N, C-alpha and C. Protein backbone atom coordinates (compact mmCIF):
# COMPACT_ATOMS: atom_id res chain seq x y z
N MET A 1 31.02 -3.29 -25.74
CA MET A 1 30.96 -2.94 -24.33
C MET A 1 30.80 -4.23 -23.53
N ASN A 2 31.60 -4.39 -22.49
CA ASN A 2 31.47 -5.59 -21.67
C ASN A 2 30.28 -5.46 -20.72
N ARG A 3 29.92 -6.54 -20.07
CA ARG A 3 28.72 -6.57 -19.23
C ARG A 3 28.81 -5.62 -18.05
N ILE A 4 29.96 -5.56 -17.41
CA ILE A 4 30.11 -4.65 -16.27
C ILE A 4 29.87 -3.21 -16.71
N ASP A 5 30.46 -2.82 -17.82
CA ASP A 5 30.27 -1.45 -18.32
C ASP A 5 28.81 -1.20 -18.68
N MET A 6 28.15 -2.18 -19.28
CA MET A 6 26.75 -2.04 -19.65
C MET A 6 25.88 -1.85 -18.42
N ILE A 7 26.10 -2.67 -17.40
CA ILE A 7 25.33 -2.55 -16.15
C ILE A 7 25.58 -1.18 -15.52
N HIS A 8 26.84 -0.81 -15.45
CA HIS A 8 27.22 0.48 -14.85
C HIS A 8 26.55 1.63 -15.61
N GLU A 9 26.60 1.60 -16.92
CA GLU A 9 26.02 2.68 -17.73
C GLU A 9 24.51 2.78 -17.54
N ARG A 10 23.83 1.65 -17.58
CA ARG A 10 22.37 1.67 -17.46
C ARG A 10 21.92 2.15 -16.09
N LEU A 11 22.59 1.68 -15.03
CA LEU A 11 22.21 2.10 -13.69
C LEU A 11 22.55 3.56 -13.44
N THR A 12 23.66 4.02 -13.97
CA THR A 12 24.05 5.42 -13.82
C THR A 12 23.05 6.32 -14.53
N THR A 13 22.67 5.96 -15.73
CA THR A 13 21.71 6.76 -16.50
C THR A 13 20.36 6.82 -15.79
N ALA A 14 19.89 5.71 -15.28
CA ALA A 14 18.54 5.64 -14.69
C ALA A 14 18.46 6.19 -13.28
N LEU A 15 19.53 6.01 -12.48
CA LEU A 15 19.42 6.28 -11.05
C LEU A 15 20.39 7.33 -10.51
N SER A 16 21.31 7.80 -11.31
CA SER A 16 22.30 8.81 -10.91
C SER A 16 22.90 8.52 -9.53
N PRO A 17 23.51 7.36 -9.36
CA PRO A 17 24.01 6.99 -8.04
C PRO A 17 25.21 7.84 -7.60
N GLU A 18 25.33 7.98 -6.29
CA GLU A 18 26.51 8.62 -5.72
C GLU A 18 27.68 7.66 -5.74
N SER A 19 27.36 6.38 -5.65
CA SER A 19 28.38 5.34 -5.68
C SER A 19 27.77 4.10 -6.31
N LEU A 20 28.57 3.41 -7.10
CA LEU A 20 28.10 2.20 -7.77
C LEU A 20 29.28 1.26 -7.98
N GLU A 21 29.12 0.04 -7.50
CA GLU A 21 30.13 -0.99 -7.71
C GLU A 21 29.45 -2.20 -8.34
N VAL A 22 30.02 -2.68 -9.43
CA VAL A 22 29.50 -3.87 -10.11
C VAL A 22 30.62 -4.90 -10.11
N ILE A 23 30.34 -6.06 -9.55
CA ILE A 23 31.33 -7.13 -9.43
C ILE A 23 30.86 -8.33 -10.23
N ASP A 24 31.71 -8.82 -11.12
CA ASP A 24 31.40 -10.01 -11.92
C ASP A 24 31.82 -11.25 -11.15
N ARG A 25 30.86 -12.07 -10.80
CA ARG A 25 31.12 -13.31 -10.08
C ARG A 25 30.87 -14.54 -10.96
N SER A 26 30.79 -14.32 -12.26
CA SER A 26 30.47 -15.40 -13.19
C SER A 26 31.44 -16.57 -13.10
N HIS A 27 32.71 -16.26 -12.90
CA HIS A 27 33.73 -17.32 -12.82
C HIS A 27 33.48 -18.28 -11.66
N GLU A 28 32.75 -17.83 -10.64
CA GLU A 28 32.45 -18.68 -9.49
C GLU A 28 31.31 -19.66 -9.78
N HIS A 29 30.67 -19.50 -10.94
CA HIS A 29 29.50 -20.30 -11.27
C HIS A 29 29.68 -21.08 -12.57
N ALA A 30 30.90 -21.35 -12.93
CA ALA A 30 31.18 -22.12 -14.15
C ALA A 30 30.45 -23.46 -14.09
N GLY A 31 29.77 -23.80 -15.16
CA GLY A 31 29.03 -25.06 -15.22
C GLY A 31 27.59 -24.94 -14.76
N HIS A 32 27.25 -23.86 -14.10
CA HIS A 32 25.88 -23.62 -13.65
C HIS A 32 24.98 -23.44 -14.87
N GLU A 33 23.75 -23.86 -14.78
CA GLU A 33 22.83 -23.81 -15.93
C GLU A 33 22.75 -22.41 -16.55
N GLY A 34 22.61 -21.39 -15.71
CA GLY A 34 22.53 -20.03 -16.23
C GLY A 34 23.80 -19.61 -16.94
N ALA A 35 24.93 -20.06 -16.42
CA ALA A 35 26.22 -19.74 -17.03
C ALA A 35 26.34 -20.44 -18.39
N LYS A 36 25.82 -21.66 -18.48
CA LYS A 36 25.88 -22.39 -19.75
C LYS A 36 25.11 -21.65 -20.85
N ALA A 37 24.05 -20.96 -20.46
CA ALA A 37 23.24 -20.22 -21.42
C ALA A 37 23.84 -18.86 -21.75
N GLY A 38 24.92 -18.50 -21.08
CA GLY A 38 25.59 -17.25 -21.39
C GLY A 38 25.34 -16.11 -20.42
N GLY A 39 24.44 -16.30 -19.47
CA GLY A 39 24.15 -15.25 -18.51
C GLY A 39 25.19 -15.18 -17.41
N GLY A 40 25.50 -13.99 -16.99
CA GLY A 40 26.50 -13.80 -15.94
C GLY A 40 25.89 -13.63 -14.56
N HIS A 41 26.75 -13.77 -13.55
CA HIS A 41 26.38 -13.58 -12.15
C HIS A 41 27.08 -12.32 -11.66
N PHE A 42 26.31 -11.37 -11.12
CA PHE A 42 26.87 -10.09 -10.72
C PHE A 42 26.38 -9.66 -9.35
N ASP A 43 27.22 -8.91 -8.65
CA ASP A 43 26.85 -8.22 -7.42
C ASP A 43 26.81 -6.73 -7.74
N VAL A 44 25.79 -6.05 -7.24
CA VAL A 44 25.68 -4.61 -7.41
C VAL A 44 25.53 -3.98 -6.03
N ILE A 45 26.38 -3.01 -5.75
CA ILE A 45 26.28 -2.21 -4.54
C ILE A 45 26.06 -0.78 -5.03
N ILE A 46 24.90 -0.22 -4.70
CA ILE A 46 24.54 1.08 -5.25
C ILE A 46 23.98 1.99 -4.15
N ILE A 47 24.44 3.22 -4.17
CA ILE A 47 23.98 4.24 -3.24
C ILE A 47 23.40 5.37 -4.07
N ALA A 48 22.10 5.64 -3.89
CA ALA A 48 21.46 6.66 -4.71
C ALA A 48 20.32 7.34 -3.96
N ALA A 49 20.25 8.66 -4.11
CA ALA A 49 19.15 9.42 -3.52
C ALA A 49 17.82 9.01 -4.15
N ALA A 50 17.87 8.46 -5.34
CA ALA A 50 16.65 8.00 -6.02
C ALA A 50 15.90 6.95 -5.19
N PHE A 51 16.58 6.31 -4.26
CA PHE A 51 15.95 5.28 -3.43
C PHE A 51 15.22 5.85 -2.22
N ASN A 52 15.32 7.15 -1.99
CA ASN A 52 14.58 7.76 -0.88
C ASN A 52 13.11 7.42 -1.02
N ASP A 53 12.48 7.05 0.07
CA ASP A 53 11.05 6.72 0.11
C ASP A 53 10.68 5.49 -0.71
N MET A 54 11.65 4.65 -1.06
CA MET A 54 11.36 3.39 -1.76
C MET A 54 11.60 2.22 -0.81
N SER A 55 10.73 1.23 -0.92
CA SER A 55 10.95 -0.02 -0.18
C SER A 55 12.05 -0.81 -0.87
N THR A 56 12.49 -1.87 -0.24
CA THR A 56 13.50 -2.73 -0.85
C THR A 56 13.00 -3.28 -2.18
N VAL A 57 11.76 -3.72 -2.21
CA VAL A 57 11.20 -4.27 -3.45
C VAL A 57 11.17 -3.21 -4.55
N GLN A 58 10.77 -1.99 -4.22
CA GLN A 58 10.74 -0.91 -5.20
C GLN A 58 12.14 -0.59 -5.72
N ARG A 59 13.13 -0.63 -4.85
CA ARG A 59 14.52 -0.38 -5.27
C ARG A 59 14.97 -1.45 -6.26
N HIS A 60 14.68 -2.70 -5.95
CA HIS A 60 15.07 -3.79 -6.84
C HIS A 60 14.36 -3.68 -8.18
N ARG A 61 13.08 -3.32 -8.14
CA ARG A 61 12.33 -3.15 -9.40
C ARG A 61 12.93 -2.03 -10.24
N ALA A 62 13.34 -0.94 -9.59
CA ALA A 62 13.95 0.18 -10.32
C ALA A 62 15.24 -0.27 -11.00
N ILE A 63 16.00 -1.10 -10.32
CA ILE A 63 17.25 -1.63 -10.89
C ILE A 63 16.94 -2.57 -12.05
N TYR A 64 16.00 -3.49 -11.85
CA TYR A 64 15.62 -4.41 -12.93
C TYR A 64 15.10 -3.65 -14.14
N ASP A 65 14.29 -2.61 -13.89
CA ASP A 65 13.77 -1.80 -15.00
C ASP A 65 14.91 -1.12 -15.75
N ALA A 66 15.89 -0.60 -15.02
CA ALA A 66 17.02 0.07 -15.66
C ALA A 66 17.83 -0.91 -16.51
N LEU A 67 17.93 -2.14 -16.07
CA LEU A 67 18.72 -3.14 -16.81
C LEU A 67 17.93 -3.73 -17.98
N GLY A 68 16.62 -3.63 -17.92
CA GLY A 68 15.76 -4.02 -19.04
C GLY A 68 16.02 -5.41 -19.57
N ASP A 69 16.16 -5.51 -20.89
CA ASP A 69 16.32 -6.79 -21.58
C ASP A 69 17.58 -7.55 -21.18
N ALA A 70 18.55 -6.86 -20.61
CA ALA A 70 19.78 -7.54 -20.18
C ALA A 70 19.50 -8.57 -19.09
N MET A 71 18.41 -8.37 -18.35
CA MET A 71 18.05 -9.34 -17.31
C MET A 71 17.62 -10.67 -17.92
N LYS A 72 17.26 -10.67 -19.17
CA LYS A 72 16.84 -11.91 -19.84
C LYS A 72 17.96 -12.53 -20.66
N THR A 73 18.96 -11.73 -21.01
CA THR A 73 19.98 -12.23 -21.94
C THR A 73 21.39 -12.22 -21.36
N GLU A 74 21.79 -11.14 -20.73
CA GLU A 74 23.18 -10.98 -20.29
C GLU A 74 23.39 -11.32 -18.82
N ILE A 75 22.33 -11.26 -18.03
CA ILE A 75 22.43 -11.44 -16.57
C ILE A 75 21.57 -12.62 -16.15
N HIS A 76 22.20 -13.60 -15.53
CA HIS A 76 21.46 -14.74 -15.02
C HIS A 76 21.11 -14.52 -13.54
N ALA A 77 22.04 -13.99 -12.77
CA ALA A 77 21.83 -13.78 -11.34
C ALA A 77 22.38 -12.42 -10.95
N LEU A 78 21.63 -11.73 -10.08
CA LEU A 78 22.03 -10.40 -9.66
C LEU A 78 21.80 -10.26 -8.16
N SER A 79 22.87 -10.03 -7.42
CA SER A 79 22.78 -9.75 -6.00
C SER A 79 22.79 -8.23 -5.85
N ILE A 80 21.79 -7.70 -5.14
CA ILE A 80 21.65 -6.25 -5.04
C ILE A 80 21.73 -5.79 -3.59
N ARG A 81 22.57 -4.79 -3.36
CA ARG A 81 22.59 -4.06 -2.11
C ARG A 81 22.37 -2.60 -2.47
N ALA A 82 21.16 -2.08 -2.19
CA ALA A 82 20.78 -0.74 -2.61
C ALA A 82 20.48 0.12 -1.37
N TYR A 83 21.14 1.26 -1.28
CA TYR A 83 21.04 2.13 -0.13
C TYR A 83 20.77 3.57 -0.55
N THR A 84 20.14 4.34 0.35
CA THR A 84 20.11 5.78 0.20
C THR A 84 21.43 6.30 0.77
N PRO A 85 21.82 7.53 0.45
CA PRO A 85 23.06 8.07 1.04
C PRO A 85 23.00 8.08 2.58
N GLU A 86 21.84 8.35 3.15
CA GLU A 86 21.72 8.38 4.60
C GLU A 86 21.89 7.00 5.23
N GLU A 87 21.42 5.98 4.55
CA GLU A 87 21.53 4.61 5.06
C GLU A 87 22.96 4.11 5.02
N PHE A 88 23.71 4.57 4.05
CA PHE A 88 25.07 4.07 3.91
C PHE A 88 25.99 4.83 4.84
């Protein structure tokens, strides 16, 4: 399974999003220290009712928790845009 599919699967399982887009930006960071170690750079745009009544920090923590160990091995940098359906 590639990294995009892994991220998509983990976030879908944990947060049941209405919409989820995962963009691999690793190619833009070639030579960067994190890239040298094998970690990728990704953008996540996620819309989920699970974010209702959560602060931005809580939303990010929920995403990091869903990604688990991949945040230490497969992902070096993650840009997150997390919305409730009403916000989007």
